[in-house]
Amino acid sequence: MSLGHESLVWAIATPLIGAVGIGLTGRWPNMREAVTLATATILIALVFAWVPLVLEGERP
């Protein structure tokens, strides 16, 4: 398994998509928090998936 171009693009796109979602749910605080937590969870899952590869010496 390698750090493909697609996974790196998703790591950059996830916060941007989350920001749009937060902007769209601005009137509803609970929904806004749900979007924030979902975005953070997805991003941390992407990053944690790379940890073993980076520890083996692969570069992103």
N, C-alpha and C. Protein backbone atom coordinates (compact mmCIF):
# COMPACT_ATOMS: atom_id res chain seq x y z
N MET A 1 0.85 -1.19 0.00
CA MET A 1 0.00 0.00 0.00
C MET A 1 0.89 1.24 0.00
N SER A 2 0.47 2.24 -0.72
CA SER A 2 1.27 3.47 -0.77
C SER A 2 0.37 4.67 -0.56
N LEU A 3 1.02 5.78 -0.30
CA LEU A 3 0.29 7.03 -0.14
C LEU A 3 -0.05 7.55 -1.52
N GLY A 4 -1.21 7.20 -2.00
CA GLY A 4 -1.60 7.61 -3.33
C GLY A 4 -2.02 9.06 -3.40
N HIS A 5 -2.04 9.53 -4.61
CA HIS A 5 -2.45 10.91 -4.88
C HIS A 5 -3.86 11.17 -4.35
N GLU A 6 -4.72 10.18 -4.50
CA GLU A 6 -6.12 10.36 -4.11
C GLU A 6 -6.27 10.60 -2.60
N SER A 7 -5.54 9.85 -1.79
CA SER A 7 -5.67 10.02 -0.35
C SER A 7 -5.12 11.38 0.11
N LEU A 8 -4.09 11.86 -0.57
CA LEU A 8 -3.56 13.18 -0.23
C LEU A 8 -4.54 14.28 -0.61
N VAL A 9 -5.21 14.11 -1.73
CA VAL A 9 -6.22 15.09 -2.15
C VAL A 9 -7.38 15.11 -1.15
N TRP A 10 -7.80 13.92 -0.69
CA TRP A 10 -8.88 13.87 0.29
C TRP A 10 -8.48 14.54 1.60
N ALA A 11 -7.22 14.43 1.98
CA ALA A 11 -6.77 15.06 3.21
C ALA A 11 -6.83 16.58 3.12
N ILE A 12 -6.65 17.10 1.94
CA ILE A 12 -6.76 18.55 1.74
C ILE A 12 -8.22 18.96 1.55
N ALA A 13 -8.99 18.14 0.85
CA ALA A 13 -10.38 18.48 0.55
C ALA A 13 -11.30 18.35 1.76
N THR A 14 -10.99 17.45 2.67
CA THR A 14 -11.88 17.21 3.81
C THR A 14 -12.13 18.47 4.64
N PRO A 15 -11.11 19.21 5.06
CA PRO A 15 -11.40 20.44 5.82
C PRO A 15 -12.14 21.49 4.99
N LEU A 16 -11.87 21.54 3.70
CA LEU A 16 -12.58 22.51 2.85
C LEU A 16 -14.06 22.15 2.75
N ILE A 17 -14.34 20.88 2.56
CA ILE A 17 -15.74 20.43 2.51
C ILE A 17 -16.41 20.66 3.86
N GLY A 18 -15.67 20.40 4.94
CA GLY A 18 -16.21 20.65 6.27
C GLY A 18 -16.51 22.12 6.51
N ALA A 19 -15.66 22.99 6.01
CA ALA A 19 -15.90 24.43 6.16
C ALA A 19 -17.17 24.86 5.44
N VAL A 20 -17.39 24.31 4.27
CA VAL A 20 -18.62 24.61 3.54
C VAL A 20 -19.82 24.10 4.33
N GLY A 21 -19.70 22.89 4.86
CA GLY A 21 -20.79 22.33 5.66
C GLY A 21 -21.08 23.16 6.90
N ILE A 22 -20.04 23.64 7.54
CA ILE A 22 -20.22 24.50 8.72
C ILE A 22 -20.90 25.80 8.32
N GLY A 23 -20.51 26.35 7.19
CA GLY A 23 -21.15 27.57 6.72
C GLY A 23 -22.62 27.38 6.40
N LEU A 24 -22.95 26.22 5.83
CA LEU A 24 -24.34 25.95 5.47
C LEU A 24 -25.21 25.66 6.68
N THR A 25 -24.62 25.21 7.77
CA THR A 25 -25.39 24.88 8.97
C THR A 25 -25.22 25.93 10.07
N GLY A 26 -24.84 27.12 9.69
CA GLY A 26 -24.56 28.18 10.65
C GLY A 26 -25.70 28.53 11.58
N ARG A 27 -26.93 28.36 11.15
CA ARG A 27 -28.07 28.74 11.97
C ARG A 27 -28.42 27.69 13.03
N TRP A 28 -27.90 26.48 12.86
CA TRP A 28 -28.23 25.37 13.74
C TRP A 28 -26.98 24.89 14.48
N PRO A 29 -26.80 25.34 15.72
CA PRO A 29 -25.56 25.05 16.44
C PRO A 29 -25.26 23.56 16.60
N ASN A 30 -26.27 22.74 16.89
CA ASN A 30 -26.02 21.31 17.07
C ASN A 30 -25.59 20.66 15.76
N MET A 31 -26.21 21.03 14.67
CA MET A 31 -25.83 20.48 13.37
C MET A 31 -24.43 20.95 12.99
N ARG A 32 -24.12 22.20 13.30
CA ARG A 32 -22.79 22.74 13.02
C ARG A 32 -21.72 21.95 13.78
N GLU A 33 -21.99 21.63 15.04
CA GLU A 33 -21.05 20.83 15.83
C GLU A 33 -20.92 19.42 15.27
N ALA A 34 -22.01 18.85 14.79
CA ALA A 34 -21.96 17.51 14.20
C ALA A 34 -21.09 17.50 12.95
N VAL A 35 -21.21 18.54 12.13
CA VAL A 35 -20.38 18.64 10.93
C VAL A 35 -18.91 18.80 11.32
N THR A 36 -18.65 19.59 12.34
CA THR A 36 -17.28 19.77 12.82
C THR A 36 -16.68 18.45 13.30
N LEU A 37 -17.42 17.71 14.09
CA LEU A 37 -16.92 16.44 14.61
C LEU A 37 -16.75 15.40 13.51
N ALA A 38 -17.67 15.36 12.57
CA ALA A 38 -17.55 14.42 11.45
C ALA A 38 -16.32 14.74 10.61
N THR A 39 -16.10 16.01 10.34
CA THR A 39 -14.93 16.42 9.57
C THR A 39 -13.64 16.04 10.29
N ALA A 40 -13.59 16.31 11.57
CA ALA A 40 -12.39 15.97 12.35
C ALA A 40 -12.15 14.47 12.39
N THR A 41 -13.22 13.69 12.52
CA THR A 41 -13.09 12.23 12.57
C THR A 41 -12.57 11.68 11.25
N ILE A 42 -13.09 12.17 10.16
CA ILE A 42 -12.64 11.72 8.84
C ILE A 42 -11.18 12.09 8.62
N LEU A 43 -10.82 13.30 8.98
CA LEU A 43 -9.44 13.75 8.78
C LEU A 43 -8.46 12.95 9.64
N ILE A 44 -8.79 12.69 10.88
CA ILE A 44 -7.88 11.94 11.74
C ILE A 44 -7.78 10.49 11.26
N ALA A 45 -8.86 9.93 10.72
CA ALA A 45 -8.79 8.57 10.17
C ALA A 45 -7.86 8.52 8.96
N LEU A 46 -7.92 9.53 8.12
CA LEU A 46 -7.01 9.59 6.97
C LEU A 46 -5.56 9.67 7.42
N VAL A 47 -5.30 10.51 8.38
CA VAL A 47 -3.92 10.69 8.85
C VAL A 47 -3.42 9.43 9.55
N PHE A 48 -4.24 8.83 10.39
CA PHE A 48 -3.82 7.61 11.09
C PHE A 48 -3.58 6.46 10.13
N ALA A 49 -4.26 6.44 9.00
CA ALA A 49 -4.03 5.40 8.01
C ALA A 49 -2.64 5.52 7.40
N TRP A 50 -2.07 6.71 7.41
CA TRP A 50 -0.73 6.93 6.84
C TRP A 50 0.39 6.61 7.82
N VAL A 51 0.11 6.58 9.10
CA VAL A 51 1.16 6.45 10.11
C VAL A 51 2.06 5.24 9.86
N PRO A 52 1.52 4.04 9.66
CA PRO A 52 2.43 2.89 9.43
C PRO A 52 3.31 3.07 8.20
N LEU A 53 2.75 3.65 7.16
CA LEU A 53 3.51 3.84 5.93
C LEU A 53 4.65 4.85 6.12
N VAL A 54 4.36 5.92 6.81
CA VAL A 54 5.39 6.94 7.05
C VAL A 54 6.47 6.40 7.98
N LEU A 55 6.07 5.61 8.96
CA LEU A 55 7.05 5.03 9.87
C LEU A 55 7.97 4.03 9.16
N GLU A 56 7.49 3.44 8.06
CA GLU A 56 8.33 2.55 7.26
C GLU A 56 9.27 3.32 6.34
N GLY A 57 9.11 4.63 6.29
CA GLY A 57 10.03 5.45 5.50
C GLY A 57 9.44 6.03 4.23
N GLU A 58 8.17 5.75 3.97
CA GLU A 58 7.55 6.31 2.77
C GLU A 58 7.27 7.79 2.98
N ARG A 59 7.36 8.54 1.90
CA ARG A 59 7.11 9.98 1.98
C ARG A 59 5.75 10.30 1.39
N PRO A 60 5.04 11.24 2.00
CA PRO A 60 3.73 11.63 1.43
C PRO A 60 3.88 12.43 0.15
